[in-house]
Amino acid sequence: MTVRVVPDGPAEREAAAAVLAAGGVVALPTDTVYGIAVARGTSGGVERLFEIKRRPPDRAIVLLIDDLEQVADLVRATPAARALSGLWPGGLTLVLPEAGSDGTIAVRVPDHPAPRALARSVGPLPTTSANLSGEPEARTAAEVVAALGEGLALVLDGGRSPGGVPSTVVDCSADPVRILRAGAIPAATIDERLVAAGLGRSAPAAVVGR
């Protein structure tokens, strides 16, 4: 089956939202590389993302959202998370305590209108990069189709994505807040926000890079 590729735009985002709501997998541009996403309520949806990517199922996945309030029923928004959410949209992933459990959920507001529009329409989007596990990340719609095409219902073609440095990952469930991965947002900027909110500085990054 040939995957449907459409130019990114308001009408096409509505079509993509309909595909997601119906349980399909959509590839979409972001502020770094292309991603693949499902609607959060899709039965077996996250497992399908892993299957399409041929990715180990024990790897974490990120929810792309429109704003922090969108996950108010899913996470406990700590004071640190609220302080750091002022750096959105952009290259910052926050790991937050999951409401009602001992688990955590990673969330990000990307600096690209397409995923934010889809999240507003469908809800938080479980998303991972649009490439086979271990292979280079896709930066064009053509690269997405070449790598993953048959597993996708629709590809939003937003042109060539910028790539660049991955997001900084900050664990806001820890005390002190811990930088799990150094990335696009410098540690100094993280600490400035925390101190301005009357909180302690972050612990150093445990892992540098992807």
N, C-alpha and C. Protein backbone atom coordinates (compact mmCIF):
# COMPACT_ATOMS: atom_id res chain seq x y z
N MET A 1 0.84 -1.19 0.00
CA MET A 1 0.00 0.00 0.00
C MET A 1 0.88 1.25 0.00
N THR A 2 0.56 2.19 -0.89
CA THR A 2 1.32 3.44 -0.99
C THR A 2 0.87 4.40 0.10
N VAL A 3 1.85 4.92 0.84
CA VAL A 3 1.51 5.86 1.90
C VAL A 3 1.10 7.19 1.28
N ARG A 4 0.14 7.86 1.91
CA ARG A 4 -0.35 9.15 1.43
C ARG A 4 0.56 10.25 1.97
N VAL A 5 1.11 11.07 1.08
CA VAL A 5 1.97 12.20 1.45
C VAL A 5 1.27 13.48 1.04
N VAL A 6 1.09 14.40 2.00
CA VAL A 6 0.40 15.67 1.72
C VAL A 6 1.24 16.81 2.27
N PRO A 7 1.17 17.98 1.64
CA PRO A 7 1.92 19.14 2.15
C PRO A 7 1.35 19.59 3.50
N ASP A 8 2.25 20.00 4.39
CA ASP A 8 1.79 20.47 5.70
C ASP A 8 1.05 21.79 5.55
N GLY A 9 -0.15 21.86 6.07
CA GLY A 9 -0.96 23.06 6.04
C GLY A 9 -2.19 22.85 6.89
N PRO A 10 -2.98 23.89 7.13
CA PRO A 10 -4.14 23.76 8.02
C PRO A 10 -5.10 22.64 7.63
N ALA A 11 -5.48 22.55 6.37
CA ALA A 11 -6.43 21.52 5.94
C ALA A 11 -5.82 20.13 6.08
N GLU A 12 -4.54 20.03 5.74
CA GLU A 12 -3.86 18.74 5.82
C GLU A 12 -3.66 18.30 7.28
N ARG A 13 -3.47 19.26 8.17
CA ARG A 13 -3.38 18.91 9.59
C ARG A 13 -4.71 18.38 10.10
N GLU A 14 -5.81 18.93 9.60
CA GLU A 14 -7.12 18.39 9.97
C GLU A 14 -7.27 16.96 9.49
N ALA A 15 -6.78 16.69 8.27
CA ALA A 15 -6.84 15.33 7.75
C ALA A 15 -5.96 14.40 8.58
N ALA A 16 -4.79 14.88 8.98
CA ALA A 16 -3.90 14.08 9.81
C ALA A 16 -4.53 13.79 11.17
N ALA A 17 -5.20 14.81 11.74
CA ALA A 17 -5.87 14.61 13.02
C ALA A 17 -6.96 13.55 12.91
N ALA A 18 -7.67 13.53 11.78
CA ALA A 18 -8.71 12.52 11.57
C ALA A 18 -8.09 11.13 11.47
N VAL A 19 -6.95 11.02 10.81
CA VAL A 19 -6.26 9.74 10.71
C VAL A 19 -5.82 9.26 12.09
N LEU A 20 -5.26 10.17 12.88
CA LEU A 20 -4.84 9.83 14.23
C LEU A 20 -6.03 9.38 15.09
N ALA A 21 -7.12 10.13 15.00
CA ALA A 21 -8.31 9.80 15.79
C ALA A 21 -8.87 8.44 15.42
N ALA A 22 -8.63 8.03 14.17
CA ALA A 22 -9.11 6.73 13.71
C ALA A 22 -8.13 5.59 14.01
N GLY A 23 -7.00 5.93 14.65
CA GLY A 23 -6.05 4.89 15.04
C GLY A 23 -4.86 4.73 14.13
N GLY A 24 -4.71 5.62 13.13
CA GLY A 24 -3.60 5.51 12.20
C GLY A 24 -2.32 6.14 12.73
N VAL A 25 -1.21 5.76 12.11
CA VAL A 25 0.11 6.32 12.44
C VAL A 25 0.44 7.40 11.42
N VAL A 26 0.83 8.57 11.90
CA VAL A 26 1.12 9.73 11.05
C VAL A 26 2.57 10.14 11.26
N ALA A 27 3.26 10.46 10.16
CA ALA A 27 4.58 11.08 10.24
C ALA A 27 4.42 12.58 10.09
N LEU A 28 5.19 13.33 10.86
CA LEU A 28 5.00 14.78 10.91
C LEU A 28 6.32 15.49 11.11
N PRO A 29 6.43 16.72 10.60
CA PRO A 29 7.64 17.50 10.84
C PRO A 29 7.65 18.04 12.27
N THR A 30 8.84 18.21 12.81
CA THR A 30 8.99 18.88 14.10
C THR A 30 10.08 19.93 13.96
N ASP A 31 10.48 20.52 15.09
CA ASP A 31 11.52 21.54 15.07
C ASP A 31 12.92 20.95 14.97
N THR A 32 13.03 19.61 14.96
CA THR A 32 14.34 18.97 14.80
C THR A 32 14.30 18.04 13.59
N VAL A 33 13.73 16.85 13.75
CA VAL A 33 13.62 15.88 12.67
C VAL A 33 12.17 15.42 12.57
N TYR A 34 11.87 14.61 11.55
CA TYR A 34 10.52 14.08 11.42
C TYR A 34 10.26 13.04 12.51
N GLY A 35 8.99 12.98 12.95
CA GLY A 35 8.59 12.00 13.92
C GLY A 35 7.41 11.19 13.42
N ILE A 36 7.12 10.09 14.10
CA ILE A 36 5.89 9.34 13.86
C ILE A 36 5.10 9.31 15.15
N ALA A 37 3.78 9.43 15.01
CA ALA A 37 2.92 9.61 16.18
C ALA A 37 1.64 8.83 16.03
N VAL A 38 1.04 8.53 17.18
CA VAL A 38 -0.30 7.96 17.25
C VAL A 38 -1.09 8.75 18.27
N ALA A 39 -2.40 8.64 18.22
CA ALA A 39 -3.23 9.22 19.27
C ALA A 39 -3.02 8.41 20.55
N ARG A 40 -2.98 9.10 21.67
CA ARG A 40 -2.65 8.44 22.94
C ARG A 40 -3.62 7.32 23.28
N GLY A 41 -4.90 7.45 22.93
CA GLY A 41 -5.87 6.43 23.30
C GLY A 41 -5.94 5.25 22.34
N THR A 42 -5.08 5.22 21.34
CA THR A 42 -5.11 4.14 20.36
C THR A 42 -4.68 2.83 20.99
N SER A 43 -5.51 1.81 20.88
CA SER A 43 -5.17 0.50 21.45
C SER A 43 -3.94 -0.06 20.76
N GLY A 44 -2.90 -0.35 21.54
CA GLY A 44 -1.67 -0.88 20.98
C GLY A 44 -0.88 0.11 20.15
N GLY A 45 -1.20 1.41 20.29
CA GLY A 45 -0.58 2.41 19.44
C GLY A 45 0.92 2.54 19.64
N VAL A 46 1.36 2.62 20.89
CA VAL A 46 2.78 2.77 21.16
C VAL A 46 3.53 1.53 20.67
N GLU A 47 2.94 0.37 20.86
CA GLU A 47 3.57 -0.86 20.38
C GLU A 47 3.73 -0.83 18.86
N ARG A 48 2.77 -0.23 18.17
CA ARG A 48 2.87 -0.11 16.71
C ARG A 48 4.03 0.81 16.32
N LEU A 49 4.24 1.88 17.08
CA LEU A 49 5.40 2.74 16.81
C LEU A 49 6.69 1.95 16.94
N PHE A 50 6.80 1.16 18.00
CA PHE A 50 7.99 0.33 18.18
C PHE A 50 8.15 -0.66 17.03
N GLU A 51 7.04 -1.26 16.62
CA GLU A 51 7.09 -2.25 15.55
C GLU A 51 7.54 -1.61 14.24
N ILE A 52 6.99 -0.45 13.91
CA ILE A 52 7.35 0.23 12.67
C ILE A 52 8.83 0.60 12.66
N LYS A 53 9.34 1.04 13.80
CA LYS A 53 10.74 1.44 13.89
C LYS A 53 11.69 0.25 14.09
N ARG A 54 11.11 -0.92 14.42
CA ARG A 54 11.93 -2.08 14.82
C ARG A 54 12.78 -1.70 16.02
N ARG A 55 12.12 -1.10 16.98
CA ARG A 55 12.78 -0.53 18.15
C ARG A 55 12.48 -1.39 19.37
N PRO A 56 13.46 -1.59 20.25
CA PRO A 56 13.20 -2.34 21.48
C PRO A 56 12.07 -1.72 22.28
N PRO A 57 11.15 -2.51 22.81
CA PRO A 57 9.99 -1.96 23.51
C PRO A 57 10.29 -1.37 24.88
N ASP A 58 11.55 -1.49 25.34
CA ASP A 58 11.88 -0.97 26.66
C ASP A 58 12.41 0.47 26.60
N ARG A 59 12.40 1.07 25.42
CA ARG A 59 12.87 2.44 25.29
C ARG A 59 11.73 3.41 25.59
N ALA A 60 12.08 4.55 26.19
CA ALA A 60 11.05 5.53 26.55
C ALA A 60 10.53 6.25 25.32
N ILE A 61 9.33 6.78 25.44
CA ILE A 61 8.73 7.54 24.36
C ILE A 61 8.23 8.88 24.93
N VAL A 62 8.19 9.91 24.11
CA VAL A 62 7.85 11.25 24.56
C VAL A 62 6.45 11.61 24.08
N LEU A 63 5.70 12.33 24.91
CA LEU A 63 4.44 12.92 24.49
C LEU A 63 4.69 14.33 24.00
N LEU A 64 4.34 14.61 22.74
CA LEU A 64 4.35 15.97 22.25
C LEU A 64 3.02 16.62 22.61
N ILE A 65 3.07 17.82 23.17
CA ILE A 65 1.88 18.47 23.69
C ILE A 65 1.84 19.91 23.22
N ASP A 66 0.70 20.56 23.47
CA ASP A 66 0.55 21.97 23.12
C ASP A 66 0.92 22.88 24.28
N ASP A 67 0.65 22.45 25.50
CA ASP A 67 1.07 23.18 26.69
C ASP A 67 0.98 22.24 27.88
N LEU A 68 1.52 22.68 29.02
CA LEU A 68 1.59 21.83 30.20
C LEU A 68 0.22 21.46 30.73
N GLU A 69 -0.74 22.38 30.59
CA GLU A 69 -2.08 22.09 31.12
C GLU A 69 -2.75 20.93 30.40
N GLN A 70 -2.28 20.62 29.20
CA GLN A 70 -2.87 19.54 28.44
C GLN A 70 -2.64 18.18 29.10
N VAL A 71 -1.63 18.08 29.95
CA VAL A 71 -1.36 16.80 30.63
C VAL A 71 -1.64 16.91 32.13
N ALA A 72 -2.48 17.86 32.52
CA ALA A 72 -2.76 18.08 33.94
C ALA A 72 -3.34 16.86 34.61
N ASP A 73 -4.08 16.03 33.85
CA ASP A 73 -4.68 14.83 34.45
C ASP A 73 -3.75 13.63 34.38
N LEU A 74 -2.60 13.77 33.72
CA LEU A 74 -1.68 12.64 33.55
C LEU A 74 -0.46 12.72 34.45
N VAL A 75 -0.06 13.96 34.80
CA VAL A 75 1.18 14.14 35.55
C VAL A 75 0.95 15.05 36.75
N ARG A 76 1.93 15.06 37.64
CA ARG A 76 1.97 16.04 38.72
C ARG A 76 2.96 17.13 38.29
N ALA A 77 2.43 18.31 38.02
CA ALA A 77 3.26 19.42 37.56
C ALA A 77 3.98 20.02 38.76
N THR A 78 5.21 19.64 38.97
CA THR A 78 5.99 20.12 40.10
C THR A 78 6.34 21.60 39.92
N PRO A 79 6.72 22.29 41.00
CA PRO A 79 7.15 23.68 40.85
C PRO A 79 8.28 23.84 39.83
N ALA A 80 9.21 22.89 39.81
CA ALA A 80 10.31 22.95 38.83
C ALA A 80 9.77 22.85 37.41
N ALA A 81 8.81 21.95 37.20
CA ALA A 81 8.24 21.80 35.87
C ALA A 81 7.54 23.07 35.42
N ARG A 82 6.82 23.70 36.32
CA ARG A 82 6.13 24.94 35.95
C ARG A 82 7.14 26.04 35.65
N ALA A 83 8.22 26.10 36.40
CA ALA A 83 9.24 27.10 36.13
C ALA A 83 9.90 26.87 34.78
N LEU A 84 10.22 25.62 34.47
CA LEU A 84 10.94 25.31 33.24
C LEU A 84 10.04 25.32 32.01
N SER A 85 8.74 25.16 32.22
CA SER A 85 7.83 25.16 31.07
C SER A 85 7.82 26.52 30.37
N GLY A 86 8.32 27.56 31.05
CA GLY A 86 8.45 28.86 30.41
C GLY A 86 9.46 28.88 29.28
N LEU A 87 10.27 27.82 29.18
CA LEU A 87 11.23 27.71 28.08
C LEU A 87 10.62 27.08 26.84
N TRP A 88 9.39 26.65 26.91
CA TRP A 88 8.68 26.10 25.75
C TRP A 88 8.05 27.23 24.94
N PRO A 89 7.82 27.01 23.63
CA PRO A 89 8.18 25.81 22.88
C PRO A 89 9.67 25.78 22.58
N GLY A 90 10.20 24.57 22.42
CA GLY A 90 11.62 24.46 22.11
C GLY A 90 12.21 23.15 22.55
N GLY A 91 13.54 23.14 22.58
CA GLY A 91 14.29 21.90 22.79
C GLY A 91 14.45 21.51 24.23
N LEU A 92 13.35 21.28 24.91
CA LEU A 92 13.36 20.88 26.32
C LEU A 92 12.32 19.80 26.55
N THR A 93 12.78 18.66 27.05
CA THR A 93 11.88 17.57 27.44
C THR A 93 11.87 17.47 28.95
N LEU A 94 10.68 17.48 29.54
CA LEU A 94 10.54 17.38 31.00
C LEU A 94 10.01 16.00 31.36
N VAL A 95 10.69 15.35 32.29
CA VAL A 95 10.23 14.07 32.82
C VAL A 95 9.49 14.36 34.13
N LEU A 96 8.20 14.03 34.15
CA LEU A 96 7.33 14.42 35.25
C LEU A 96 6.76 13.21 35.95
N PRO A 97 6.44 13.33 37.25
CA PRO A 97 5.81 12.21 37.96
C PRO A 97 4.43 11.92 37.37
N GLU A 98 4.15 10.66 37.14
CA GLU A 98 2.84 10.28 36.62
C GLU A 98 1.82 10.33 37.74
N ALA A 99 0.68 10.94 37.47
CA ALA A 99 -0.37 11.05 38.48
C ALA A 99 -0.88 9.65 38.85
N GLY A 100 -0.96 9.42 40.16
CA GLY A 100 -1.53 8.16 40.64
C GLY A 100 -0.63 6.96 40.53
N SER A 101 0.66 7.16 40.25
CA SER A 101 1.57 6.02 40.18
C SER A 101 2.97 6.46 40.54
N ASP A 102 3.89 5.52 40.57
CA ASP A 102 5.29 5.83 40.84
C ASP A 102 6.08 6.02 39.55
N GLY A 103 5.41 6.00 38.42
CA GLY A 103 6.08 6.14 37.14
C GLY A 103 6.32 7.58 36.75
N THR A 104 6.87 7.77 35.57
CA THR A 104 7.12 9.10 35.04
C THR A 104 6.66 9.16 33.58
N ILE A 105 6.42 10.37 33.11
CA ILE A 105 6.03 10.62 31.72
C ILE A 105 6.88 11.77 31.20
N ALA A 106 7.46 11.60 30.01
CA ALA A 106 8.26 12.64 29.38
C ALA A 106 7.40 13.43 28.40
N VAL A 107 7.47 14.76 28.49
CA VAL A 107 6.64 15.62 27.64
C VAL A 107 7.49 16.74 27.04
N ARG A 108 7.06 17.22 25.86
CA ARG A 108 7.75 18.34 25.22
C ARG A 108 6.76 19.13 24.38
N VAL A 109 6.94 20.45 24.35
CA VAL A 109 6.20 21.33 23.44
C VAL A 109 7.17 21.74 22.34
N PRO A 110 7.03 21.17 21.14
CA PRO A 110 8.00 21.48 20.07
C PRO A 110 7.77 22.86 19.48
N ASP A 111 8.84 23.42 18.95
CA ASP A 111 8.76 24.74 18.32
C ASP A 111 8.41 24.57 16.84
N HIS A 112 7.27 23.93 16.60
CA HIS A 112 6.77 23.73 15.24
C HIS A 112 5.25 23.68 15.33
N PRO A 113 4.54 24.37 14.44
CA PRO A 113 3.08 24.43 14.57
C PRO A 113 2.36 23.13 14.27
N ALA A 114 2.93 22.26 13.46
CA ALA A 114 2.20 21.03 13.08
C ALA A 114 1.94 20.10 14.27
N PRO A 115 2.96 19.68 15.01
CA PRO A 115 2.65 18.80 16.14
C PRO A 115 1.80 19.46 17.22
N ARG A 116 1.98 20.78 17.42
CA ARG A 116 1.16 21.46 18.42
C ARG A 116 -0.30 21.49 17.98
N ALA A 117 -0.55 21.72 16.69
CA ALA A 117 -1.92 21.73 16.19
C ALA A 117 -2.56 20.35 16.33
N LEU A 118 -1.81 19.32 16.02
CA LEU A 118 -2.35 17.96 16.15
C LEU A 118 -2.61 17.62 17.61
N ALA A 119 -1.72 18.04 18.50
CA ALA A 119 -1.94 17.79 19.93
C ALA A 119 -3.18 18.52 20.44
N ARG A 120 -3.40 19.74 19.96
CA ARG A 120 -4.61 20.47 20.36
C ARG A 120 -5.86 19.74 19.90
N SER A 121 -5.78 19.14 18.73
CA SER A 121 -6.95 18.49 18.16
C SER A 121 -7.19 17.10 18.74
N VAL A 122 -6.13 16.33 18.91
CA VAL A 122 -6.26 14.91 19.25
C VAL A 122 -5.89 14.62 20.71
N GLY A 123 -5.05 15.49 21.30
CA GLY A 123 -4.54 15.24 22.64
C GLY A 123 -3.06 14.95 22.58
N PRO A 124 -2.42 14.74 23.73
CA PRO A 124 -0.98 14.45 23.76
C PRO A 124 -0.63 13.31 22.83
N LEU A 125 0.46 13.48 22.07
CA LEU A 125 0.82 12.52 21.04
C LEU A 125 2.07 11.73 21.41
N PRO A 126 1.94 10.43 21.67
CA PRO A 126 3.14 9.60 21.78
C PRO A 126 3.90 9.66 20.46
N THR A 127 5.15 10.08 20.51
CA THR A 127 5.92 10.35 19.30
C THR A 127 7.34 9.85 19.45
N THR A 128 7.89 9.36 18.35
CA THR A 128 9.30 8.98 18.30
C THR A 128 9.83 9.35 16.93
N SER A 129 11.13 9.38 16.79
CA SER A 129 11.71 9.82 15.52
C SER A 129 11.37 8.85 14.39
N ALA A 130 11.27 9.41 13.18
CA ALA A 130 10.79 8.65 12.01
C ALA A 130 11.96 7.98 11.30
N ASN A 131 12.49 6.95 11.91
CA ASN A 131 13.59 6.20 11.30
C ASN A 131 13.60 4.79 11.89
N LEU A 132 14.20 3.87 11.16
CA LEU A 132 14.42 2.55 11.72
C LEU A 132 15.42 2.66 12.86
N SER A 133 15.23 1.88 13.91
CA SER A 133 16.09 1.95 15.07
C SER A 133 17.55 1.73 14.67
N GLY A 134 18.40 2.66 15.10
CA GLY A 134 19.82 2.56 14.78
C GLY A 134 20.22 3.22 13.48
N GLU A 135 19.24 3.65 12.67
CA GLU A 135 19.52 4.30 11.40
C GLU A 135 19.42 5.82 11.55
N PRO A 136 19.96 6.59 10.59
CA PRO A 136 19.88 8.06 10.68
C PRO A 136 18.44 8.55 10.72
N GLU A 137 18.21 9.64 11.45
CA GLU A 137 16.88 10.20 11.56
C GLU A 137 16.48 10.87 10.25
N ALA A 138 15.20 10.78 9.92
CA ALA A 138 14.69 11.33 8.65
C ALA A 138 14.51 12.84 8.76
N ARG A 139 14.99 13.57 7.74
CA ARG A 139 14.85 15.02 7.72
C ARG A 139 13.98 15.51 6.56
N THR A 140 13.49 14.58 5.73
CA THR A 140 12.56 14.94 4.67
C THR A 140 11.45 13.89 4.63
N ALA A 141 10.33 14.28 4.01
CA ALA A 141 9.23 13.33 3.86
C ALA A 141 9.65 12.14 3.02
N ALA A 142 10.47 12.37 2.00
CA ALA A 142 10.93 11.27 1.15
C ALA A 142 11.75 10.26 1.95
N GLU A 143 12.58 10.75 2.87
CA GLU A 143 13.36 9.84 3.71
C GLU A 143 12.46 9.04 4.65
N VAL A 144 11.39 9.67 5.13
CA VAL A 144 10.43 8.97 5.98
C VAL A 144 9.78 7.83 5.20
N VAL A 145 9.32 8.13 4.01
CA VAL A 145 8.64 7.12 3.20
C VAL A 145 9.59 5.98 2.86
N ALA A 146 10.84 6.31 2.52
CA ALA A 146 11.81 5.28 2.17
C ALA A 146 12.08 4.34 3.34
N ALA A 147 12.11 4.89 4.55
CA ALA A 147 12.44 4.07 5.72
C ALA A 147 11.24 3.32 6.28
N LEU A 148 10.09 3.99 6.32
CA LEU A 148 8.96 3.46 7.10
C LEU A 148 7.64 3.39 6.34
N GLY A 149 7.64 3.77 5.07
CA GLY A 149 6.42 4.04 4.33
C GLY A 149 5.24 3.13 4.56
N GLU A 150 5.41 1.81 4.42
CA GLU A 150 4.27 0.91 4.46
C GLU A 150 3.60 0.84 5.83
N GLY A 151 4.31 1.27 6.88
CA GLY A 151 3.70 1.23 8.21
C GLY A 151 2.90 2.46 8.55
N LEU A 152 2.90 3.46 7.65
CA LEU A 152 2.27 4.74 7.94
C LEU A 152 0.97 4.92 7.18
N ALA A 153 0.05 5.67 7.78
CA ALA A 153 -1.20 6.00 7.09
C ALA A 153 -1.08 7.31 6.33
N LEU A 154 -0.26 8.25 6.83
CA LEU A 154 -0.16 9.57 6.21
C LEU A 154 1.14 10.23 6.64
N VAL A 155 1.72 11.00 5.71
CA VAL A 155 2.93 11.78 6.00
C VAL A 155 2.62 13.25 5.71
N LEU A 156 2.83 14.10 6.72
CA LEU A 156 2.74 15.55 6.51
C LEU A 156 4.10 16.04 6.05
N ASP A 157 4.15 16.57 4.83
CA ASP A 157 5.42 17.02 4.26
C ASP A 157 5.62 18.50 4.57
N GLY A 158 6.50 18.77 5.51
CA GLY A 158 6.80 20.14 5.90
C GLY A 158 8.11 20.64 5.35
N GLY A 159 8.62 19.99 4.29
CA GLY A 159 9.92 20.37 3.76
C GLY A 159 11.04 19.77 4.59
N ARG A 160 12.23 20.22 4.33
CA ARG A 160 13.39 19.68 5.04
C ARG A 160 13.42 20.20 6.47
N SER A 161 13.53 19.30 7.42
CA SER A 161 13.57 19.70 8.83
C SER A 161 14.97 20.19 9.19
N PRO A 162 15.09 21.03 10.22
CA PRO A 162 16.38 21.65 10.52
C PRO A 162 17.40 20.74 11.17
N GLY A 163 16.95 19.63 11.78
CA GLY A 163 17.89 18.79 12.52
C GLY A 163 18.41 19.54 13.74
N GLY A 164 19.71 19.47 13.95
CA GLY A 164 20.31 20.22 15.05
C GLY A 164 20.43 19.41 16.32
N VAL A 165 20.70 20.12 17.41
CA VAL A 165 20.95 19.50 18.70
C VAL A 165 19.65 18.96 19.28
N PRO A 166 19.66 17.74 19.84
CA PRO A 166 18.44 17.21 20.45
C PRO A 166 18.07 17.99 21.70
N SER A 167 16.87 17.72 22.18
CA SER A 167 16.37 18.45 23.35
C SER A 167 17.16 18.10 24.61
N THR A 168 17.25 19.07 25.50
CA THR A 168 17.73 18.81 26.85
C THR A 168 16.64 18.08 27.61
N VAL A 169 17.02 17.02 28.32
CA VAL A 169 16.04 16.23 29.08
C VAL A 169 16.27 16.47 30.57
N VAL A 170 15.23 16.94 31.25
CA VAL A 170 15.34 17.29 32.66
C VAL A 170 14.34 16.48 33.46
N ASP A 171 14.83 15.78 34.47
CA ASP A 171 13.97 14.97 35.34
C ASP A 171 13.44 15.85 36.47
N CYS A 172 12.18 16.25 36.33
CA CYS A 172 11.55 17.09 37.35
C CYS A 172 10.88 16.27 38.44
N SER A 173 11.01 14.95 38.37
CA SER A 173 10.49 14.10 39.44
C SER A 173 11.53 13.90 40.54
N ALA A 174 12.77 14.32 40.27
CA ALA A 174 13.85 14.14 41.22
C ALA A 174 14.04 15.40 42.06
N ASP A 175 14.69 15.24 43.21
CA ASP A 175 15.03 16.37 44.07
C ASP A 175 16.47 16.18 44.54
N PRO A 176 17.42 16.97 44.02
CA PRO A 176 17.19 18.11 43.13
C PRO A 176 16.86 17.67 41.70
N VAL A 177 16.33 18.61 40.93
CA VAL A 177 16.09 18.37 39.52
C VAL A 177 17.38 17.90 38.87
N ARG A 178 17.28 16.90 38.00
CA ARG A 178 18.48 16.34 37.38
C ARG A 178 18.41 16.45 35.87
N ILE A 179 19.49 16.91 35.27
CA ILE A 179 19.59 16.93 33.80
C ILE A 179 20.03 15.54 33.35
N LEU A 180 19.14 14.85 32.64
CA LEU A 180 19.44 13.50 32.18
C LEU A 180 20.21 13.50 30.86
N ARG A 181 20.00 14.51 30.05
CA ARG A 181 20.73 14.63 28.78
C ARG A 181 20.97 16.09 28.48
N ALA A 182 22.21 16.46 28.26
CA ALA A 182 22.53 17.81 27.81
C ALA A 182 22.07 17.96 26.37
N GLY A 183 21.59 19.15 26.02
CA GLY A 183 21.06 19.34 24.67
C GLY A 183 20.90 20.79 24.31
N ALA A 184 19.79 21.09 23.65
CA ALA A 184 19.58 22.41 23.04
C ALA A 184 19.52 23.54 24.06
N ILE A 185 18.97 23.28 25.24
CA ILE A 185 18.86 24.32 26.28
C ILE A 185 20.01 24.15 27.25
N PRO A 186 20.89 25.15 27.39
CA PRO A 186 22.06 25.01 28.27
C PRO A 186 21.67 24.82 29.74
N ALA A 187 22.52 24.12 30.47
CA ALA A 187 22.28 23.91 31.90
C ALA A 187 22.18 25.24 32.63
N ALA A 188 22.94 26.23 32.20
CA ALA A 188 22.90 27.54 32.86
C ALA A 188 21.52 28.17 32.74
N THR A 189 20.87 27.98 31.60
CA THR A 189 19.52 28.52 31.41
C THR A 189 18.53 27.79 32.29
N ILE A 190 18.68 26.47 32.41
CA ILE A 190 17.83 25.68 33.31
C ILE A 190 17.96 26.22 34.73
N ASP A 191 19.21 26.41 35.18
CA ASP A 191 19.44 26.87 36.55
C ASP A 191 18.90 28.28 36.78
N GLU A 192 19.02 29.15 35.78
CA GLU A 192 18.49 30.51 35.92
C GLU A 192 16.99 30.47 36.20
N ARG A 193 16.28 29.62 35.47
CA ARG A 193 14.83 29.51 35.67
C ARG A 193 14.51 28.95 37.05
N LEU A 194 15.25 27.95 37.46
CA LEU A 194 14.99 27.33 38.76
C LEU A 194 15.26 28.31 39.90
N VAL A 195 16.38 29.00 39.83
CA VAL A 195 16.74 29.95 40.89
C VAL A 195 15.75 31.10 40.93
N ALA A 196 15.31 31.58 39.77
CA ALA A 196 14.34 32.67 39.73
C ALA A 196 13.02 32.27 40.37
N ALA A 197 12.72 30.97 40.35
CA ALA A 197 11.49 30.46 40.97
C ALA A 197 11.69 30.09 42.43
N GLY A 198 12.88 30.38 42.97
CA GLY A 198 13.15 30.07 44.37
C GLY A 198 13.49 28.63 44.62
N LEU A 199 13.96 27.93 43.58
CA LEU A 199 14.30 26.52 43.69
C LEU A 199 15.81 26.33 43.58
N GLY A 200 16.27 25.13 43.96
CA GLY A 200 17.69 24.85 43.89
C GLY A 200 18.15 24.57 42.47
N ARG A 201 19.45 24.66 42.27
CA ARG A 201 20.02 24.38 40.96
C ARG A 201 19.89 22.89 40.62
N SER A 202 20.02 22.60 39.33
CA SER A 202 19.92 21.23 38.87
C SER A 202 21.19 20.45 39.20
N ALA A 203 21.04 19.11 39.24
CA ALA A 203 22.20 18.23 39.32
C ALA A 203 22.79 18.09 37.92
N PRO A 204 24.08 17.77 37.81
CA PRO A 204 24.73 17.71 36.49
C PRO A 204 24.13 16.64 35.60
N ALA A 205 24.36 16.82 34.29
CA ALA A 205 23.88 15.85 33.32
C ALA A 205 24.55 14.51 33.56
N ALA A 206 23.74 13.45 33.56
CA ALA A 206 24.28 12.11 33.72
C ALA A 206 24.76 11.55 32.39
N VAL A 207 24.10 11.97 31.30
CA VAL A 207 24.43 11.46 29.97
C VAL A 207 24.51 12.66 29.03
N VAL A 208 25.55 12.75 28.25
CA VAL A 208 25.70 13.83 27.29
C VAL A 208 25.50 13.26 25.91
N GLY A 209 24.66 13.94 25.10
CA GLY A 209 24.42 13.48 23.72
C GLY A 209 23.07 12.79 23.63
N ARG A 210 22.90 12.00 22.53
CA ARG A 210 21.62 11.35 22.27
C ARG A 210 21.43 10.16 23.18
